[in-house]
Protein backbone atom coordinates (compact mmCIF):
# COMPACT_ATOMS: atom_id res chain seq x y z
CA UNK A 1 154.08 -178.56 -140.63
CA UNK A 2 151.33 -179.44 -138.20
CA UNK A 3 148.33 -181.73 -138.14
CA UNK A 4 146.04 -179.44 -140.16
CA UNK A 5 148.61 -179.21 -142.98
CA UNK A 6 148.28 -182.95 -143.46
CA UNK A 7 144.76 -182.37 -144.82
CA UNK A 8 144.24 -181.84 -148.58
CA UNK A 9 144.58 -178.20 -149.63
CA UNK A 10 145.99 -177.03 -146.28
CA UNK A 11 149.52 -175.70 -146.57
CA UNK A 12 151.67 -174.09 -143.93
CA UNK A 13 150.22 -170.59 -144.37
CA UNK A 14 146.57 -171.69 -144.33
CA UNK A 15 147.31 -173.81 -141.28
CA UNK A 16 148.73 -170.73 -139.54
CA UNK A 17 145.60 -168.76 -140.43
CA UNK A 18 143.35 -171.52 -139.08
CA UNK A 19 145.30 -171.66 -135.80
CA UNK A 20 145.10 -167.86 -135.50
CA UNK A 21 141.35 -168.21 -136.01
CA UNK A 22 141.13 -170.67 -133.12
CA UNK A 23 140.96 -173.85 -135.20
CA UNK A 24 143.72 -176.24 -134.30
CA UNK A 25 142.48 -179.72 -135.15
CA UNK A 26 140.70 -181.49 -137.98
CA UNK A 27 137.76 -182.12 -135.65
CA UNK A 28 137.44 -178.40 -134.90
CA UNK A 29 137.58 -177.57 -138.62
CA UNK A 30 134.82 -180.10 -139.33
CA UNK A 31 132.76 -178.80 -136.43
CA UNK A 32 133.08 -175.16 -137.43
CA UNK A 33 132.70 -175.83 -141.13
CA UNK A 34 134.35 -174.23 -144.12
CA UNK A 35 132.20 -171.12 -144.19
CA UNK A 36 132.73 -170.16 -140.56
CA UNK A 37 136.43 -170.98 -140.77
CA UNK A 38 136.72 -168.76 -143.85
CA UNK A 39 134.85 -165.87 -142.16
CA UNK A 40 137.27 -166.12 -139.18
CA UNK A 41 140.23 -165.99 -141.57
CA UNK A 42 138.65 -163.11 -143.52
CA UNK A 43 138.39 -161.05 -140.34
CA UNK A 44 142.19 -161.34 -139.99
CA UNK A 45 143.12 -161.35 -143.67
CA UNK A 46 140.96 -159.35 -146.10
CA UNK A 47 142.67 -161.11 -149.00
CA UNK A 48 140.89 -164.37 -148.16
CA UNK A 49 139.60 -165.51 -151.55
CA UNK A 50 137.08 -167.90 -153.03
CA UNK A 51 139.81 -170.50 -153.65
CA UNK A 52 140.69 -170.47 -149.94
CA UNK A 53 137.04 -171.15 -149.12
CA UNK A 54 137.05 -174.06 -151.57
CA UNK A 55 140.32 -175.32 -150.08
CA UNK A 56 138.72 -175.39 -146.64
CA UNK A 57 135.65 -177.26 -147.91
CA UNK A 58 137.87 -179.73 -149.76
CA UNK A 59 139.91 -180.30 -146.63
CA UNK A 60 136.75 -181.10 -144.69
CA UNK A 61 135.62 -183.52 -147.39
CA UNK A 62 139.08 -185.05 -147.71
CA UNK A 63 139.49 -184.09 -151.40
CA UNK A 64 141.37 -181.60 -153.52
CA UNK A 65 139.43 -178.37 -154.00
CA UNK A 66 139.37 -178.99 -157.77
CA UNK A 67 137.30 -182.13 -157.16
CA UNK A 68 134.45 -180.46 -155.30
CA UNK A 69 131.06 -181.08 -156.87
CA UNK A 70 129.78 -178.31 -159.14
CA UNK A 71 126.80 -177.64 -156.85
CA UNK A 72 129.11 -177.27 -153.85
CA UNK A 73 131.32 -174.87 -155.79
CA UNK A 74 128.32 -172.78 -156.78
CA UNK A 75 127.01 -172.65 -153.21
CA UNK A 76 130.44 -171.59 -151.98
CA UNK A 77 130.73 -168.97 -154.68
CA UNK A 78 127.34 -167.52 -153.67
CA UNK A 79 128.42 -167.48 -150.01
CA UNK A 80 131.74 -165.82 -150.96
CA UNK A 81 130.02 -163.02 -152.93
CA UNK A 82 127.51 -162.45 -150.16
CA UNK A 83 130.19 -162.13 -147.43
CA UNK A 84 133.11 -160.53 -149.21
CA UNK A 85 133.12 -156.71 -149.31
CA UNK A 86 135.52 -156.70 -152.31
CA UNK A 87 132.79 -158.26 -154.48
CA UNK A 88 130.04 -155.83 -153.44
């Protein structure tokens, strides 16, 4: 387990996906943001889901994805539907 996996919501597999997407540190994840990080993962893994997007945002905020504010969840859901071909 690496440094990214120490963040909330980031397990070994998601850490591997982030590294493959060119994000190797917490600072890089914060700089890129959850949406861009998710898009980079989606390009490599079409199964990237809404929960993964929330996990990334929660990691950036330092909280479990379940504790994201409702407004944040809604904005992420809108973004997910806009950018995910499976939902179109």
